[in-house]
Amino acid sequence: MSVAVQHENLVHRNGRPATADDLAPLAFAGFAHFTAMQVRDGGVRGLDLHLERLRSASLELFGRALPDELVRSHLRAALAAAPRDLSLVATVYSPAGEFTATDADPDVLVRTGPAASGPAGPLALAVVEHERYLPAIKHVGEGAKTHLLRQAVARGFDDAAFLDRRGRFSEATIWNLAFWDGDTVVWPVADKLAGTTMGIVRRRLEALGVPQRDAEIGPGDLPELAGAVVMNSWTPGIPVHRIGEAWLPHAPSFLEALHQAYESEPLVAP
């Protein structure tokens, strides 16, 4: 009797294992969008948010979107050959390639890898003036983020937080920002990517009765705050103890509330 061997690092294109010929045209492609998620016990938190993200971004970039059920079938095909706990990235791109306005139904590339939970923290973030192009879309080809990360690390920081042209914090390189005023979770107001983890946390905090508010936050507001975190698909909260020259206090109750909210979101199988 043969035994199926599960692999963590797999790439599927449109529901089938990708070949070298499938991947070669994408080696230098930069016009695509994606969503990243952590799969646990075969399920995903906030699956509806991931599907909505892919749908809306496809309409914006390509003028058309694949049906949710087709996208889910591609996710299921990748998960069928993988462990129950893993990282997954679903990338949507046009087979016509970039530098063209040719209409074509988009393709879906699904890549799986080892499960991840992000760094332990606390983190120190450099403050950088930067605004992402199409900030509401999680798109590829963002060399500036890696460049700014590398510059921040060279200056002795762990990562970078972005200020827009009005002096407001928006997000970090691959993270959303969240702050704590001692009683309330504060979400920065600026053009930014609405992360799926942020969406999960916001709706679950509301269900748990934890106060939240939106506010414009600049460097001058940091000394009045009682804590800060970054979050993304890896984790609902990694503590931040320094942003630029401002030091922020440790806020265990804030961190606990974020993790409790996230973990109260049910896992949904694609």
C-alpha atoms as a PDB file:
ATOM      1  CA  MET A   1       0.000   0.000   0.000  1.00  0.00           C
ATOM      2  CA  SER A   2       1.418   3.396  -0.958  1.00  0.00           C
ATOM      3  CA  VAL A   3       1.377   6.252   1.531  1.00  0.00           C
ATOM      4  CA  ALA A   4       0.767   9.832   0.347  1.00  0.00           C
ATOM      5  CA  VAL A   5       3.552  12.217   1.343  1.00  0.00           C
ATOM      6  CA  GLN A   6       2.480  15.740   2.268  1.00  0.00           C
ATOM      7  CA  HIS A   7       4.682  18.667   1.300  1.00  0.00           C
ATOM      8  CA  GLU A   8       4.587  22.186   2.716  1.00  0.00           C
ATOM      9  CA  ASN A   9       6.120  24.064  -0.217  1.00  0.00           C
ATOM     10  CA  LEU A  10       3.798  23.663  -3.173  1.00  0.00           C
ATOM     11  CA  VAL A  11       2.634  25.916  -6.004  1.00  0.00           C
ATOM     12  CA  HIS A  12      -0.636  25.435  -7.863  1.00  0.00           C
ATOM     13  CA  ARG A  13      -1.914  27.332 -10.890  1.00  0.00           C
ATOM     14  CA  ASN A  14      -5.661  27.319 -11.425  1.00  0.00           C
ATOM     15  CA  GLY A  15      -6.098  24.281  -9.202  1.00  0.00           C
ATOM     16  CA  ARG A  16      -3.303  22.126 -10.647  1.00  0.00           C
ATOM     17  CA  PRO A  17       0.373  21.724  -9.686  1.00  0.00           C
ATOM     18  CA  ALA A  18       2.316  24.467 -11.484  1.00  0.00           C
ATOM     19  CA  THR A  19       4.978  23.542 -14.030  1.00  0.00           C
ATOM     20  CA  ALA A  20       8.180  25.389 -14.858  1.00  0.00           C
ATOM     21  CA  ASP A  21       6.500  26.628 -18.042  1.00  0.00           C
ATOM     22  CA  ASP A  22       3.643  28.034 -15.933  1.00  0.00           C
ATOM     23  CA  LEU A  23       6.007  29.895 -13.628  1.00  0.00           C
ATOM     24  CA  ALA A  24       8.649  31.137 -16.073  1.00  0.00           C
ATOM     25  CA  PRO A  25       6.572  34.061 -17.443  1.00  0.00           C
ATOM     26  CA  LEU A  26       5.926  35.221 -13.865  1.00  0.00           C
ATOM     27  CA  ALA A  27       9.582  35.449 -12.830  1.00  0.00           C
ATOM     28  CA  PHE A  28       9.714  39.169 -13.602  1.00  0.00           C
ATOM     29  CA  ALA A  29       6.016  40.015 -13.556  1.00  0.00           C
ATOM     30  CA  GLY A  30       4.930  42.921 -11.398  1.00  0.00           C
ATOM     31  CA  PHE A  31       1.224  43.457 -12.083  1.00  0.00           C
ATOM     32  CA  ALA A  32      -0.737  41.240  -9.746  1.00  0.00           C
ATOM     33  CA  HIS A  33      -2.410  41.252  -6.359  1.00  0.00           C
ATOM     34  CA  PHE A  34      -2.567  38.715  -3.572  1.00  0.00           C
ATOM     35  CA  THR A  35      -3.761  37.742  -0.136  1.00  0.00           C
ATOM     36  CA  ALA A  36      -1.816  35.888   2.548  1.00  0.00           C
ATOM     37  CA  MET A  37      -3.285  33.710   5.262  1.00  0.00           C
ATOM     38  CA  GLN A  38      -2.435  31.231   7.972  1.00  0.00           C
ATOM     39  CA  VAL A  39      -4.220  27.886   7.710  1.00  0.00           C
ATOM     40  CA  ARG A  40      -4.792  26.010  10.965  1.00  0.00           C
ATOM     41  CA  ASP A  41      -6.352  22.549  11.118  1.00  0.00           C
ATOM     42  CA  GLY A  42      -7.354  23.023   7.480  1.00  0.00           C
ATOM     43  CA  GLY A  43      -9.330  26.206   8.176  1.00  0.00           C
ATOM     44  CA  VAL A  44      -8.862  29.952   7.721  1.00  0.00           C
ATOM     45  CA  ARG A  45      -9.989  32.842   9.897  1.00  0.00           C
ATOM     46  CA  GLY A  46     -11.687  35.622   7.959  1.00  0.00           C
ATOM     47  CA  LEU A  47     -12.063  33.664   4.720  1.00  0.00           C
ATOM     48  CA  ASP A  48     -14.825  36.060   3.658  1.00  0.00           C
ATOM     49  CA  LEU A  49     -12.401  38.995   3.998  1.00  0.00           C
ATOM     50  CA  HIS A  50      -9.766  37.249   1.878  1.00  0.00           C
ATOM     51  CA  LEU A  51     -12.279  36.483  -0.863  1.00  0.00           C
ATOM     52  CA  GLU A  52     -13.629  40.033  -0.825  1.00  0.00           C
ATOM     53  CA  ARG A  53     -10.073  41.395  -1.046  1.00  0.00           C
ATOM     54  CA  LEU A  54      -9.292  39.280  -4.115  1.00  0.00           C
ATOM     55  CA  ARG A  55     -12.611  40.131  -5.737  1.00  0.00           C
ATOM     56  CA  SER A  56     -12.393  43.901  -5.300  1.00  0.00           C
ATOM     57  CA  ALA A  57      -8.715  44.071  -6.276  1.00  0.00           C
ATOM     58  CA  SER A  58      -9.365  42.058  -9.445  1.00  0.00           C
ATOM     59  CA  LEU A  59     -12.149  44.430 -10.448  1.00  0.00           C
ATOM     60  CA  GLU A  60      -9.839  47.404  -9.889  1.00  0.00           C
ATOM     61  CA  LEU A  61      -6.790  45.981 -11.695  1.00  0.00           C
ATOM     62  CA  PHE A  62      -8.332  43.747 -14.365  1.00  0.00           C
ATOM     63  CA  GLY A  63     -11.929  44.947 -14.703  1.00  0.00           C
ATOM     64  CA  ARG A  64     -13.223  41.475 -13.895  1.00  0.00           C
ATOM     65  CA  ALA A  65     -13.136  39.017 -11.016  1.00  0.00           C
ATOM     66  CA  LEU A  66     -13.353  35.258 -10.673  1.00  0.00           C
ATOM     67  CA  PRO A  67     -16.323  33.750  -8.802  1.00  0.00           C
ATOM     68  CA  ASP A  68     -15.629  33.157  -5.123  1.00  0.00           C
ATOM     69  CA  GLU A  69     -16.429  29.449  -5.444  1.00  0.00           C
ATOM     70  CA  LEU A  70     -13.818  29.037  -8.194  1.00  0.00           C
ATOM     71  CA  VAL A  71     -11.196  30.732  -6.028  1.00  0.00           C
ATOM     72  CA  ARG A  72     -12.174  28.487  -3.118  1.00  0.00           C
ATOM     73  CA  SER A  73     -11.810  25.401  -5.312  1.00  0.00           C
ATOM     74  CA  HIS A  74      -8.231  26.470  -6.150  1.00  0.00           C
ATOM     75  CA  LEU A  75      -7.498  26.900  -2.443  1.00  0.00           C
ATOM     76  CA  ARG A  76      -8.942  23.461  -1.685  1.00  0.00           C
ATOM     77  CA  ALA A  77      -6.827  21.850  -4.393  1.00  0.00           C
ATOM     78  CA  ALA A  78      -3.660  23.272  -2.842  1.00  0.00           C
ATOM     79  CA  LEU A  79      -4.676  22.323   0.702  1.00  0.00           C
ATOM     80  CA  ALA A  80      -5.523  18.745  -0.291  1.00  0.00           C
ATOM     81  CA  ALA A  81      -1.822  18.011  -0.840  1.00  0.00           C
ATOM     82  CA  ALA A  82      -0.505  19.934   2.172  1.00  0.00           C
ATOM     83  CA  PRO A  83      -0.331  19.701   5.984  1.00  0.00           C
ATOM     84  CA  ARG A  84      -3.236  20.920   8.117  1.00  0.00           C
ATOM     85  CA  ASP A  85      -1.192  23.883   9.426  1.00  0.00           C
ATOM     86  CA  LEU A  86       0.591  26.094   6.909  1.00  0.00           C
ATOM     87  CA  SER A  87       1.037  29.523   5.344  1.00  0.00           C
ATOM     88  CA  LEU A  88      -0.779  30.216   2.085  1.00  0.00           C
ATOM     89  CA  VAL A  89      -0.494  32.997  -0.475  1.00  0.00           C
ATOM     90  CA  ALA A  90      -3.049  33.323  -3.295  1.00  0.00           C
ATOM     91  CA  THR A  91      -1.880  35.585  -6.128  1.00  0.00           C
ATOM     92  CA  VAL A  92      -4.171  36.740  -8.926  1.00  0.00           C
ATOM     93  CA  TYR A  93      -2.652  37.915 -12.211  1.00  0.00           C
ATOM     94  CA  SER A  94      -3.514  38.397 -15.867  1.00  0.00           C
ATOM     95  CA  PRO A  95      -2.197  35.706 -18.261  1.00  0.00           C
ATOM     96  CA  ALA A  96      -1.812  38.508 -20.819  1.00  0.00           C
ATOM     97  CA  GLY A  97       1.065  39.830 -18.716  1.00  0.00           C
ATOM     98  CA  GLU A  98       1.923  43.359 -17.712  1.00  0.00           C
ATOM     99  CA  PHE A  99       2.455  46.388 -19.980  1.00  0.00           C
ATOM    100  CA  THR A 100      -0.711  45.493 -21.859  1.00  0.00           C
ATOM    101  CA  ALA A 101      -4.382  46.425 -21.618  1.00  0.00           C
ATOM    102  CA  THR A 102      -5.532  43.111 -23.109  1.00  0.00           C
ATOM    103  CA  ASP A 103      -8.635  41.706 -21.439  1.00  0.00           C
ATOM    104  CA  ALA A 104      -8.410  38.167 -20.077  1.00  0.00           C
ATOM    105  CA  ASP A 105      -9.819  36.261 -17.155  1.00  0.00           C
ATOM    106  CA  PRO A 106      -7.225  36.289 -14.387  1.00  0.00           C
ATOM    107  CA  ASP A 107      -5.307  33.218 -13.262  1.00  0.00           C
ATOM    108  CA  VAL A 108      -4.753  32.172  -9.648  1.00  0.00           C
ATOM    109  CA  LEU A 109      -1.424  31.041  -8.257  1.00  0.00           C
ATOM    110  CA  VAL A 110      -1.570  29.406  -4.815  1.00  0.00           C
ATOM    111  CA  ARG A 111       1.654  28.880  -2.875  1.00  0.00           C
ATOM    112  CA  THR A 112       1.871  27.034   0.423  1.00  0.00           C
ATOM    113  CA  GLY A 113       4.708  27.000   2.934  1.00  0.00           C
ATOM    114  CA  PRO A 114       5.467  26.332   6.589  1.00  0.00           C
ATOM    115  CA  ALA A 115       3.137  27.838   9.189  1.00  0.00           C
ATOM    116  CA  ALA A 116       4.388  31.122  10.645  1.00  0.00           C
ATOM    117  CA  SER A 117       3.619  33.366  13.615  1.00  0.00           C
ATOM    118  CA  GLY A 118       5.979  36.328  13.065  1.00  0.00           C
ATOM    119  CA  PRO A 119       8.702  37.733  15.324  1.00  0.00           C
ATOM    120  CA  ALA A 120       8.274  37.794  19.081  1.00  0.00           C
ATOM    121  CA  GLY A 121       8.942  41.517  19.524  1.00  0.00           C
ATOM    122  CA  PRO A 122       8.908  44.042  20.972  1.00  0.00           C
ATOM    123  CA  LEU A 123       9.865  45.937  17.820  1.00  0.00           C
ATOM    124  CA  ALA A 124      11.438  49.321  17.167  1.00  0.00           C
ATOM    125  CA  LEU A 125      10.088  51.088  14.062  1.00  0.00           C
ATOM    126  CA  ALA A 126      11.842  53.831  12.127  1.00  0.00           C
ATOM    127  CA  VAL A 127       9.577  56.653  10.936  1.00  0.00           C
ATOM    128  CA  VAL A 128       9.646  57.071   7.146  1.00  0.00           C
ATOM    129  CA  GLU A 129       7.698  59.384   4.849  1.00  0.00           C
ATOM    130  CA  HIS A 130       6.116  57.084   2.290  1.00  0.00           C
ATOM    131  CA  GLU A 131       2.778  56.573   0.552  1.00  0.00           C
ATOM    132  CA  ARG A 132       2.017  53.350  -1.292  1.00  0.00           C
ATOM    133  CA  TYR A 133       0.512  53.444  -4.790  1.00  0.00           C
ATOM    134  CA  LEU A 134      -3.061  52.071  -4.672  1.00  0.00           C
ATOM    135  CA  PRO A 135      -2.781  51.643  -0.901  1.00  0.00           C
ATOM    136  CA  ALA A 136      -6.124  49.848  -0.594  1.00  0.00           C
ATOM    137  CA  ILE A 137      -4.828  46.960  -2.759  1.00  0.00           C
ATOM    138  CA  LYS A 138      -2.355  44.303  -1.623  1.00  0.00           C
ATOM    139  CA  HIS A 139      -0.391  44.300  -4.863  1.00  0.00           C
ATOM    140  CA  VAL A 140       3.025  42.993  -5.855  1.00  0.00           C
ATOM    141  CA  GLY A 141       6.005  44.915  -7.182  1.00  0.00           C
ATOM    142  CA  GLU A 142       6.558  47.070  -4.089  1.00  0.00           C
ATOM    143  CA  GLY A 143      10.331  47.299  -3.949  1.00  0.00           C
ATOM    144  CA  ALA A 144      10.117  50.443  -1.821  1.00  0.00           C
ATOM    145  CA  LYS A 145       8.878  48.474   1.167  1.00  0.00           C
ATOM    146  CA  THR A 146      11.882  46.148   1.189  1.00  0.00           C
ATOM    147  CA  HIS A 147      14.256  49.037   0.549  1.00  0.00           C
ATOM    148  CA  LEU A 148      12.817  51.019   3.446  1.00  0.00           C
ATOM    149  CA  LEU A 149      12.943  47.947   5.687  1.00  0.00           C
ATOM    150  CA  ARG A 150      16.615  47.444   4.885  1.00  0.00           C
ATOM    151  CA  GLN A 151      17.363  51.107   5.535  1.00  0.00           C
ATOM    152  CA  ALA A 152      15.553  50.918   8.888  1.00  0.00           C
ATOM    153  CA  VAL A 153      17.522  47.848   9.955  1.00  0.00           C
ATOM    154  CA  ALA A 154      20.775  49.558   8.943  1.00  0.00           C
ATOM    155  CA  ARG A 155      19.833  52.392  11.330  1.00  0.00           C
ATOM    156  CA  GLY A 156      19.310  49.982  14.219  1.00  0.00           C
ATOM    157  CA  PHE A 157      15.528  49.531  13.955  1.00  0.00           C
ATOM    158  CA  ASP A 158      13.564  46.348  13.296  1.00  0.00           C
ATOM    159  CA  ASP A 159      11.227  47.739  10.654  1.00  0.00           C
ATOM    160  CA  ALA A 160       9.648  50.982   9.414  1.00  0.00           C
ATOM    161  CA  ALA A 161       6.347  52.804   9.961  1.00  0.00           C
ATOM    162  CA  PHE A 162       4.997  55.102   7.238  1.00  0.00           C
ATOM    163  CA  LEU A 163       3.941  58.739   7.512  1.00  0.00           C
ATOM    164  CA  ASP A 164       1.799  60.219   4.766  1.00  0.00           C
ATOM    165  CA  ARG A 165       2.273  63.721   3.343  1.00  0.00           C
ATOM    166  CA  ARG A 166      -0.006  65.113   6.054  1.00  0.00           C
ATOM    167  CA  GLY A 167       2.191  63.690   8.809  1.00  0.00           C
ATOM    168  CA  ARG A 168      -0.198  60.873   9.745  1.00  0.00           C
ATOM    169  CA  PHE A 169       0.808  57.297  10.464  1.00  0.00           C
ATOM    170  CA  SER A 170      -0.790  54.930   7.953  1.00  0.00           C
ATOM    171  CA  GLU A 171       0.802  51.485   8.172  1.00  0.00           C
ATOM    172  CA  ALA A 172       4.190  49.762   8.337  1.00  0.00           C
ATOM    173  CA  THR A 173       6.037  47.857   5.603  1.00  0.00           C
ATOM    174  CA  ILE A 174       4.001  44.643   5.749  1.00  0.00           C
ATOM    175  CA  TRP A 175       1.915  45.473   8.796  1.00  0.00           C
ATOM    176  CA  ASN A 176      -1.121  47.365   9.992  1.00  0.00           C
ATOM    177  CA  LEU A 177      -0.635  49.576  13.032  1.00  0.00           C
ATOM    178  CA  ALA A 178      -2.888  49.706  16.084  1.00  0.00           C
ATOM    179  CA  PHE A 179      -2.542  51.856  19.204  1.00  0.00           C
ATOM    180  CA  TRP A 180      -3.859  51.809  22.783  1.00  0.00           C
ATOM    181  CA  ASP A 181      -4.831  54.855  24.830  1.00  0.00           C
ATOM    182  CA  GLY A 182      -5.283  52.904  28.059  1.00  0.00           C
ATOM    183  CA  ASP A 183      -8.968  52.152  27.526  1.00  0.00           C
ATOM    184  CA  THR A 184      -9.611  52.045  23.793  1.00  0.00           C
ATOM    185  CA  VAL A 185      -8.055  50.501  20.688  1.00  0.00           C
ATOM    186  CA  VAL A 186      -7.113  53.325  18.312  1.00  0.00           C
ATOM    187  CA  TRP A 187      -6.881  52.715  14.564  1.00  0.00           C
ATOM    188  CA  PRO A 188      -4.891  55.269  12.546  1.00  0.00           C
ATOM    189  CA  VAL A 189      -6.783  57.274   9.947  1.00  0.00           C
ATOM    190  CA  ALA A 190      -4.915  57.532   6.624  1.00  0.00           C
ATOM    191  CA  ASP A 191      -4.961  55.852   3.222  1.00  0.00           C
ATOM    192  CA  LYS A 192      -3.783  52.298   3.875  1.00  0.00           C
ATOM    193  CA  LEU A 193      -4.412  48.644   3.214  1.00  0.00           C
ATOM    194  CA  ALA A 194      -7.267  47.284   5.303  1.00  0.00           C
ATOM    195  CA  GLY A 195      -5.616  44.081   6.462  1.00  0.00           C
ATOM    196  CA  THR A 196      -7.691  40.938   6.810  1.00  0.00           C
ATOM    197  CA  THR A 197      -6.359  40.396  10.331  1.00  0.00           C
ATOM    198  CA  MET A 198      -7.281  43.983  11.146  1.00  0.00           C
ATOM    199  CA  GLY A 199     -10.777  43.309   9.816  1.00  0.00           C
ATOM    200  CA  ILE A 200     -11.101  40.166  11.912  1.00  0.00           C
ATOM    201  CA  VAL A 201      -9.878  41.922  15.053  1.00  0.00           C
ATOM    202  CA  ARG A 202     -12.151  44.936  14.548  1.00  0.00           C
ATOM    203  CA  ARG A 203     -15.331  42.918  14.174  1.00  0.00           C
ATOM    204  CA  ARG A 204     -14.464  40.556  17.011  1.00  0.00           C
ATOM    205  CA  LEU A 205     -13.521  43.411  19.370  1.00  0.00           C
ATOM    206  CA  GLU A 206     -16.917  44.925  18.632  1.00  0.00           C
ATOM    207  CA  ALA A 207     -18.603  41.614  19.437  1.00  0.00           C
ATOM    208  CA  LEU A 208     -16.635  41.384  22.693  1.00  0.00           C
ATOM    209  CA  GLY A 209     -17.543  44.947  23.663  1.00  0.00           C
ATOM    210  CA  VAL A 210     -13.985  46.323  23.592  1.00  0.00           C
ATOM    211  CA  PRO A 211     -13.999  50.087  22.810  1.00  0.00           C
ATOM    212  CA  GLN A 212     -12.467  51.205  19.493  1.00  0.00           C
ATOM    213  CA  ARG A 213     -12.052  54.502  17.694  1.00  0.00           C
ATOM    214  CA  ASP A 214     -10.418  55.904  14.559  1.00  0.00           C
ATOM    215  CA  ALA A 215      -8.078  58.887  14.821  1.00  0.00           C
ATOM    216  CA  GLU A 216      -5.368  60.707  12.950  1.00  0.00           C
ATOM    217  CA  ILE A 217      -2.102  59.944  14.738  1.00  0.00           C
ATOM    218  CA  GLY A 218       1.203  61.691  14.164  1.00  0.00           C
ATOM    219  CA  PRO A 219       4.602  61.469  15.877  1.00  0.00           C
ATOM    220  CA  GLY A 220       3.583  64.179  18.332  1.00  0.00           C
ATOM    221  CA  ASP A 221       0.699  62.028  19.599  1.00  0.00           C
ATOM    222  CA  LEU A 222       2.857  59.031  20.527  1.00  0.00           C
ATOM    223  CA  PRO A 223       3.894  60.195  24.036  1.00  0.00           C
ATOM    224  CA  GLU A 224       0.200  60.328  25.019  1.00  0.00           C
ATOM    225  CA  LEU A 225      -0.462  56.716  23.992  1.00  0.00           C
ATOM    226  CA  ALA A 226      -0.248  53.657  26.241  1.00  0.00           C
ATOM    227  CA  GLY A 227       0.872  51.052  23.723  1.00  0.00           C
ATOM    228  CA  ALA A 228       1.252  50.057  20.084  1.00  0.00           C
ATOM    229  CA  VAL A 229       1.363  46.891  18.001  1.00  0.00           C
ATOM    230  CA  VAL A 230       1.788  45.733  14.438  1.00  0.00           C
ATOM    231  CA  MET A 231      -0.383  42.997  12.939  1.00  0.00           C
ATOM    232  CA  ASN A 232      -0.651  41.048   9.704  1.00  0.00           C
ATOM    233  CA  SER A 233      -1.582  37.569   8.501  1.00  0.00           C
ATOM    234  CA  TRP A 234       1.003  36.065  10.855  1.00  0.00           C
ATOM    235  CA  THR A 235      -0.386  37.494  14.068  1.00  0.00           C
ATOM    236  CA  PRO A 236      -3.007  39.844  15.554  1.00  0.00           C
ATOM    237  CA  GLY A 237      -0.422  41.707  17.569  1.00  0.00           C
ATOM    238  CA  ILE A 238       3.325  42.080  18.088  1.00  0.00           C
ATOM    239  CA  PRO A 239       4.252  44.746  20.654  1.00  0.00           C
ATOM    240  CA  VAL A 240       6.066  47.882  19.515  1.00  0.00           C
ATOM    241  CA  HIS A 241       8.140  49.616  22.163  1.00  0.00           C
ATOM    242  CA  ARG A 242       9.634  52.398  20.046  1.00  0.00           C
ATOM    243  CA  ILE A 243       8.552  54.427  17.015  1.00  0.00           C
ATOM    244  CA  GLY A 244      11.237  56.849  15.890  1.00  0.00           C
ATOM    245  CA  GLU A 245      12.461  58.557  19.056  1.00  0.00           C
ATOM    246  CA  ALA A 246       9.252  57.893  21.020  1.00  0.00           C
ATOM    247  CA  TRP A 247       9.191  55.040  23.527  1.00  0.00           C
ATOM    248  CA  LEU A 248       5.879  53.299  24.178  1.00  0.00           C
ATOM    249  CA  PRO A 249       4.961  51.396  27.355  1.00  0.00           C
ATOM    250  CA  HIS A 250       4.387  47.668  27.507  1.00  0.00           C
ATOM    251  CA  ALA A 251       0.619  47.031  27.334  1.00  0.00           C
ATOM    252  CA  PRO A 252      -0.136  43.368  28.120  1.00  0.00           C
ATOM    253  CA  SER A 253      -3.893  43.920  28.460  1.00  0.00           C
ATOM    254  CA  PHE A 254      -3.989  45.510  24.988  1.00  0.00           C
ATOM    255  CA  LEU A 255      -2.069  42.602  23.473  1.00  0.00           C
ATOM    256  CA  GLU A 256      -4.264  40.066  25.252  1.00  0.00           C
ATOM    257  CA  ALA A 257      -7.444  41.742  23.981  1.00  0.00           C
ATOM    258  CA  LEU A 258      -6.214  41.630  20.372  1.00  0.00           C
ATOM    259  CA  HIS A 259      -5.223  37.965  20.564  1.00  0.00           C
ATOM    260  CA  GLN A 260      -8.467  37.033  22.327  1.00  0.00           C
ATOM    261  CA  ALA A 261     -10.481  38.808  19.657  1.00  0.00           C
ATOM    262  CA  TYR A 262      -8.602  37.124  16.821  1.00  0.00           C
ATOM    263  CA  GLU A 263      -8.838  33.646  18.336  1.00  0.00           C
ATOM    264  CA  SER A 264     -12.590  34.044  18.844  1.00  0.00           C
ATOM    265  CA  GLU A 265     -13.008  34.189  15.047  1.00  0.00           C
ATOM    266  CA  PRO A 266     -13.996  30.715  13.831  1.00  0.00           C
ATOM    267  CA  LEU A 267     -11.867  28.738  11.411  1.00  0.00           C
ATOM    268  CA  VAL A 268     -13.621  28.148   8.073  1.00  0.00           C
ATOM    269  CA  ALA A 269     -12.579  25.504   5.562  1.00  0.00           C
ATOM    270  CA  PRO A 270     -12.301  26.831   2.000  1.00  0.00           C
END
